[in-house]
């Protein structure tokens, strides 16, 4: 039997059923598994078969099943940072398909590059991996293609396949829990603080997975980004732009966000959705302003997160 790696894998999950079980089975059966697999579960009631499977795995010691009543991906991730037993913590989505020795690739990248954060390749359902040598990066960190096959030093991250040095993440406050709803842009704000603290971020394409983007549960529980009347996606970007200081033209981006939200193909074909979309944008902006007036809500090193 292969010796497990001294690292923790964390799966924050919300309202996912069989796809969660399928994802966890792959993590348990990795060629080189992690020593600890933590499931931070924000689902109030699972289907019976799913609840039984999670309970069985927890009783066997295959997973640590942590239940949380409050729905917040950033709070769930902060909880895991505090609870994890190992120095390297790998966060992955709860709807994934893995074809690599994922934990070992992350662990080896940390050993080789001594990076604070390592981000693995993420291939979305509509994508294929870009062949090695074919990706040409530009100067916009937000435009980096995480389906690239070329390693690189980067300044942004995607949270669905991201590992980090646990103590370094805690030292900068972990994740800001004011990123509510779909928590859009929480990774960008987190990695900005990593960089400001002198940390580094390595993109390691060998640590690859496919994101299934399951149609229900997770952030899809808050609707899609174009859903009328719903501020759950816009609030994250507005909050990020109100807090961020390291990006140029942020105020212009803040002002233009509302206009861009209404200038989509969806609104050209269904213009009656435009008033609802604009209302959602205004509510999201006001919500973000209220959050901005408060101090950031960073990780608490107390049992309150458990």
Protein backbone atom coordinates (compact mmCIF):
# COMPACT_ATOMS: atom_id res chain seq x y z
CA UNK A 1 0.00 0.00 0.00
CA UNK A 2 1.30 3.45 -0.95
CA UNK A 3 2.35 5.65 1.95
CA UNK A 4 0.11 8.71 2.34
CA UNK A 5 1.46 12.23 2.01
CA UNK A 6 1.63 14.60 5.02
CA UNK A 7 -1.00 16.98 3.70
CA UNK A 8 -4.72 17.66 4.05
CA UNK A 9 -7.25 17.68 1.21
CA UNK A 10 -10.36 19.77 1.87
CA UNK A 11 -13.70 19.57 0.03
CA UNK A 12 -16.12 22.36 0.96
CA UNK A 13 -19.58 21.25 -0.18
CA UNK A 14 -23.12 22.55 -0.34
CA UNK A 15 -26.23 20.76 -1.64
CA UNK A 16 -24.29 18.19 -3.62
CA UNK A 17 -25.36 14.57 -3.62
CA UNK A 18 -24.05 11.73 -5.84
CA UNK A 19 -21.49 13.96 -7.55
CA UNK A 20 -19.96 14.63 -4.11
CA UNK A 21 -19.69 10.89 -3.44
CA UNK A 22 -18.11 10.32 -6.85
CA UNK A 23 -15.57 13.09 -6.22
CA UNK A 24 -14.68 11.81 -2.75
CA UNK A 25 -14.23 8.25 -4.04
CA UNK A 26 -11.59 9.51 -6.45
CA UNK A 27 -9.78 11.40 -3.70
CA UNK A 28 -9.80 8.37 -1.41
CA UNK A 29 -8.42 6.18 -4.23
CA UNK A 30 -5.64 8.52 -5.40
CA UNK A 31 -2.45 6.57 -6.25
CA UNK A 32 -0.69 8.62 -3.57
CA UNK A 33 -3.36 9.74 -1.11
CA UNK A 34 -3.21 12.57 1.37
CA UNK A 35 -3.05 11.70 5.06
CA UNK A 36 -6.26 13.57 5.73
CA UNK A 37 -9.44 14.20 3.74
CA UNK A 38 -11.75 16.83 5.26
CA UNK A 39 -15.31 17.39 4.07
CA UNK A 40 -16.76 20.70 5.30
CA UNK A 41 -20.44 20.10 4.68
CA UNK A 42 -22.96 22.94 4.66
CA UNK A 43 -25.88 20.79 3.45
CA UNK A 44 -28.68 20.61 5.99
CA UNK A 45 -30.15 17.28 4.84
CA UNK A 46 -28.62 14.86 2.34
CA UNK A 47 -30.34 12.12 0.42
CA UNK A 48 -30.36 8.98 2.58
CA UNK A 49 -27.80 7.05 0.52
CA UNK A 50 -25.40 10.00 0.48
CA UNK A 51 -25.75 10.64 4.22
CA UNK A 52 -25.13 6.94 4.91
CA UNK A 53 -22.02 6.89 2.72
CA UNK A 54 -20.56 9.98 4.40
CA UNK A 55 -21.35 8.59 7.84
CA UNK A 56 -19.74 5.25 7.00
CA UNK A 57 -16.60 6.87 5.63
CA UNK A 58 -16.33 9.10 8.69
CA UNK A 59 -16.68 6.13 11.05
CA UNK A 60 -13.96 4.28 9.11
CA UNK A 61 -11.63 7.28 9.35
CA UNK A 62 -11.54 7.81 5.58
CA UNK A 63 -12.88 11.36 5.92
CA UNK A 64 -13.32 13.98 8.62
CA UNK A 65 -16.92 15.08 8.19
CA UNK A 66 -17.41 18.59 9.59
CA UNK A 67 -20.95 19.99 9.51
CA UNK A 68 -21.70 23.71 9.29
CA UNK A 69 -25.14 25.31 9.43
CA UNK A 70 -24.09 28.65 7.93
CA UNK A 71 -23.69 28.58 4.14
CA UNK A 72 -20.42 30.30 3.22
CA UNK A 73 -17.61 28.84 1.13
CA UNK A 74 -15.06 31.24 2.64
CA UNK A 75 -16.15 30.35 6.17
CA UNK A 76 -15.93 26.65 5.31
CA UNK A 77 -12.40 27.14 3.97
CA UNK A 78 -11.35 29.07 7.06
CA UNK A 79 -12.76 26.29 9.22
CA UNK A 80 -10.60 23.80 7.33
CA UNK A 81 -7.47 25.92 7.73
CA UNK A 82 -7.92 25.85 11.49
CA UNK A 83 -8.89 22.16 11.68
CA UNK A 84 -6.32 20.74 9.25
CA UNK A 85 -3.53 18.69 10.83
CA UNK A 86 -0.89 19.16 8.12
CA UNK A 87 1.24 22.01 6.80
CA UNK A 88 -0.03 21.78 3.20
CA UNK A 89 -3.77 22.13 2.61
CA UNK A 90 -5.29 21.39 -0.80
CA UNK A 91 -8.77 22.75 -1.56
CA UNK A 92 -10.75 21.09 -4.36
CA UNK A 93 -14.31 21.44 -5.63
CA UNK A 94 -17.00 18.89 -4.84
CA UNK A 95 -17.80 18.17 -8.52
CA UNK A 96 -14.55 17.03 -10.11
CA UNK A 97 -13.04 14.31 -12.24
CA UNK A 98 -9.38 13.44 -11.61
CA UNK A 99 -6.98 11.74 -14.01
CA UNK A 100 -3.67 12.51 -12.27
CA UNK A 101 -1.91 11.70 -9.01
CA UNK A 102 -3.34 14.98 -7.73
CA UNK A 103 -2.08 15.13 -4.15
CA UNK A 104 1.46 14.06 -5.12
CA UNK A 105 1.62 16.66 -7.91
CA UNK A 106 0.69 19.42 -5.47
CA UNK A 107 3.05 18.13 -2.79
CA UNK A 108 5.94 17.85 -5.26
CA UNK A 109 5.30 21.37 -6.60
CA UNK A 110 5.55 22.78 -3.08
CA UNK A 111 8.77 20.87 -2.49
CA UNK A 112 10.29 21.97 -5.79
CA UNK A 113 9.25 25.62 -5.97
CA UNK A 114 8.77 26.49 -2.27
CA UNK A 115 5.67 28.45 -3.28
CA UNK A 116 3.14 29.75 -0.79
CA UNK A 117 0.27 28.69 -3.04
CA UNK A 118 0.14 26.11 -5.83
CA UNK A 119 -2.70 26.11 -8.35
CA UNK A 120 -3.30 23.05 -10.51
CA UNK A 121 -4.72 22.84 -14.00
CA UNK A 122 -8.51 23.18 -14.18
CA UNK A 123 -10.31 22.11 -17.36
CA UNK A 124 -13.92 23.28 -17.58
CA UNK A 125 -16.62 21.22 -19.39
CA UNK A 126 -16.43 23.40 -22.51
CA UNK A 127 -12.62 23.29 -22.64
CA UNK A 128 -9.74 21.03 -23.50
CA UNK A 129 -6.27 21.30 -22.01
CA UNK A 130 -4.12 23.66 -24.04
CA UNK A 131 -1.11 21.70 -25.37
CA UNK A 132 2.27 22.41 -23.83
CA UNK A 133 3.96 25.36 -25.50
CA UNK A 134 0.77 26.59 -27.19
CA UNK A 135 -0.44 29.07 -24.57
CA UNK A 136 0.69 32.68 -24.89
CA UNK A 137 0.13 34.60 -21.68
CA UNK A 138 -0.63 38.32 -21.55
CA UNK A 139 -0.20 40.99 -18.90
CA UNK A 140 -3.72 40.68 -17.48
CA UNK A 141 -3.58 38.39 -14.41
CA UNK A 142 -7.35 37.91 -14.58
CA UNK A 143 -7.06 36.48 -18.09
CA UNK A 144 -4.72 33.60 -17.22
CA UNK A 145 -5.88 30.30 -18.76
CA UNK A 146 -5.97 27.67 -16.02
CA UNK A 147 -6.35 24.96 -18.69
CA UNK A 148 -2.80 25.70 -19.85
CA UNK A 149 -0.20 22.92 -19.79
CA UNK A 150 2.75 25.25 -19.12
CA UNK A 151 3.97 25.93 -15.62
CA UNK A 152 4.24 29.58 -14.59
CA UNK A 153 4.51 32.01 -11.73
CA UNK A 154 1.16 33.78 -11.45
CA UNK A 155 -0.60 36.36 -9.27
CA UNK A 156 -4.18 35.00 -9.31
CA UNK A 157 -5.68 31.67 -8.34
CA UNK A 158 -8.79 29.54 -8.80
CA UNK A 159 -10.06 27.98 -5.62
CA UNK A 160 -11.20 24.64 -7.04
CA UNK A 161 -7.68 23.14 -7.23
CA UNK A 162 -5.49 25.23 -4.94
CA UNK A 163 -3.06 24.18 -2.24
CA UNK A 164 -1.22 26.37 0.22
CA UNK A 165 1.12 26.51 3.15
CA UNK A 166 -1.40 26.41 5.97
CA UNK A 167 0.36 28.72 8.43
CA UNK A 168 1.15 31.33 5.78
CA UNK A 169 -2.54 31.42 4.83
CA UNK A 170 -3.58 31.80 8.47
CA UNK A 171 -0.99 34.51 9.06
CA UNK A 172 -2.59 36.77 6.42
CA UNK A 173 -6.08 36.12 7.79
CA UNK A 174 -7.21 33.24 5.60
CA UNK A 175 -10.26 34.03 3.46
CA UNK A 176 -12.44 37.12 3.84
CA UNK A 177 -15.88 35.90 4.93
CA UNK A 178 -17.50 39.09 3.65
CA UNK A 179 -17.46 37.42 0.23
CA UNK A 180 -21.03 36.22 0.50
CA UNK A 181 -23.41 34.33 -1.78
CA UNK A 182 -21.46 32.93 -4.72
CA UNK A 183 -18.32 34.54 -3.19
CA UNK A 184 -17.22 35.72 -6.64
CA UNK A 185 -13.62 37.04 -6.64
CA UNK A 186 -12.68 35.82 -3.17
CA UNK A 187 -9.64 34.04 -4.63
CA UNK A 188 -8.38 37.25 -6.26
CA UNK A 189 -8.58 39.16 -2.98
CA UNK A 190 -6.90 36.31 -1.09
CA UNK A 191 -4.02 36.02 -3.55
CA UNK A 192 -3.47 39.79 -3.52
CA UNK A 193 -2.82 39.54 0.21
CA UNK A 194 -0.51 36.57 -0.37
CA UNK A 195 1.56 38.61 -2.83
CA UNK A 196 1.62 41.70 -0.59
CA UNK A 197 2.94 39.55 2.26
CA UNK A 198 5.84 38.41 0.08
CA UNK A 199 4.36 35.05 -0.91
CA UNK A 200 4.44 33.38 -4.30
CA UNK A 201 1.94 31.46 -6.43
CA UNK A 202 2.96 28.65 -8.77
CA UNK A 203 0.78 27.21 -11.51
CA UNK A 204 1.52 23.47 -11.73
CA UNK A 205 -0.38 21.93 -14.67
CA UNK A 206 0.59 18.39 -13.70
CA UNK A 207 -1.85 18.68 -10.80
CA UNK A 208 -4.79 18.48 -13.20
CA UNK A 209 -8.50 17.91 -12.79
CA UNK A 210 -11.69 18.42 -14.76
CA UNK A 211 -14.34 20.61 -13.20
CA UNK A 212 -17.75 19.12 -13.94
CA UNK A 213 -19.68 22.33 -13.17
CA UNK A 214 -22.64 20.36 -11.87
CA UNK A 215 -25.91 22.17 -12.68
CA UNK A 216 -27.24 22.16 -9.12
CA UNK A 217 -25.77 22.80 -5.70
CA UNK A 218 -22.61 24.73 -4.89
CA UNK A 219 -22.55 28.30 -6.16
CA UNK A 220 -25.27 27.35 -8.66
CA UNK A 221 -27.62 27.38 -5.64
CA UNK A 222 -27.42 31.18 -5.88
CA UNK A 223 -28.44 31.28 -9.54
CA UNK A 224 -26.17 32.03 -12.48
CA UNK A 225 -24.32 35.28 -13.01
CA UNK A 226 -27.07 36.61 -15.28
CA UNK A 227 -30.01 35.79 -13.05
CA UNK A 228 -32.43 38.69 -12.77
CA UNK A 229 -32.98 40.32 -9.37
CA UNK A 230 -30.25 38.22 -7.72
CA UNK A 231 -27.25 40.11 -6.26
CA UNK A 232 -25.35 37.00 -5.18
CA UNK A 233 -22.77 37.22 -7.98
CA UNK A 234 -22.46 40.98 -8.39
CA UNK A 235 -21.88 41.65 -4.69
CA UNK A 236 -18.59 39.75 -4.78
CA UNK A 237 -17.07 41.76 -7.62
CA UNK A 238 -18.28 45.06 -6.19
CA UNK A 239 -16.86 44.18 -2.77
CA UNK A 240 -13.57 43.12 -4.35
CA UNK A 241 -13.28 46.35 -6.34
CA UNK A 242 -14.13 48.44 -3.28
CA UNK A 243 -11.42 46.69 -1.22
CA UNK A 244 -8.72 46.09 -3.82
CA UNK A 245 -5.91 48.61 -4.05
CA UNK A 246 -3.47 46.78 -6.30
CA UNK A 247 -5.36 46.94 -9.61
CA UNK A 248 -5.35 49.86 -12.03
CA UNK A 249 -8.57 51.51 -13.11
CA UNK A 250 -10.58 49.82 -10.38
CA UNK A 251 -13.00 52.72 -9.95
CA UNK A 252 -13.70 52.77 -13.67
CA UNK A 253 -14.29 49.03 -13.55
CA UNK A 254 -16.62 49.54 -10.60
CA UNK A 255 -18.67 52.13 -12.48
CA UNK A 256 -18.74 50.18 -15.73
CA UNK A 257 -19.79 46.91 -14.09
CA UNK A 258 -23.50 47.80 -14.11
CA UNK A 259 -23.46 48.81 -17.78
CA UNK A 260 -21.62 45.64 -18.78
CA UNK A 261 -24.11 43.51 -16.87
CA UNK A 262 -26.92 44.79 -19.09
CA UNK A 263 -25.01 44.50 -22.37
CA UNK A 264 -25.20 40.77 -22.94
CA UNK A 265 -26.58 38.54 -25.65
CA UNK A 266 -29.23 37.37 -23.20
CA UNK A 267 -30.56 40.91 -22.82
CA UNK A 268 -30.54 41.51 -26.58
CA UNK A 269 -32.81 38.53 -27.10
CA UNK A 270 -34.83 38.97 -23.89
CA UNK A 271 -34.83 42.69 -23.08
CA UNK A 272 -37.58 42.29 -20.48
CA UNK A 273 -34.92 40.80 -18.18
CA UNK A 274 -32.91 44.04 -18.17
CA UNK A 275 -34.77 45.85 -15.34
CA UNK A 276 -34.36 42.86 -13.05
CA UNK A 277 -30.67 42.55 -13.88
CA UNK A 278 -30.05 46.23 -13.18
CA UNK A 279 -31.95 45.94 -9.90
CA UNK A 280 -29.75 43.00 -8.91
CA UNK A 281 -26.66 45.05 -9.74
CA UNK A 282 -27.80 48.00 -7.63
CA UNK A 283 -28.65 45.75 -4.69
CA UNK A 284 -25.29 44.00 -5.05
CA UNK A 285 -23.45 47.34 -5.04
CA UNK A 286 -25.31 48.59 -1.97
CA UNK A 287 -24.68 45.29 -0.19
CA UNK A 288 -20.98 45.50 -1.03
CA UNK A 289 -20.82 49.09 0.27
CA UNK A 290 -22.27 47.96 3.60
CA UNK A 291 -19.73 45.13 3.81
CA UNK A 292 -16.91 47.51 2.88
CA UNK A 293 -17.76 49.78 5.81
CA UNK A 294 -16.98 46.91 8.15
CA UNK A 295 -13.57 45.47 8.89
CA UNK A 296 -12.75 42.36 6.79
CA UNK A 297 -13.93 39.16 8.44
CA UNK A 298 -10.84 36.98 8.44
CA UNK A 299 -10.19 33.56 9.96
CA UNK A 300 -10.67 33.18 13.70
CA UNK A 301 -8.23 30.89 15.44
CA UNK A 302 -10.94 29.68 17.81
CA UNK A 303 -13.40 26.78 17.66
CA UNK A 304 -16.14 29.16 16.44
CA UNK A 305 -15.58 27.94 12.87
CA UNK A 306 -16.22 24.30 13.74
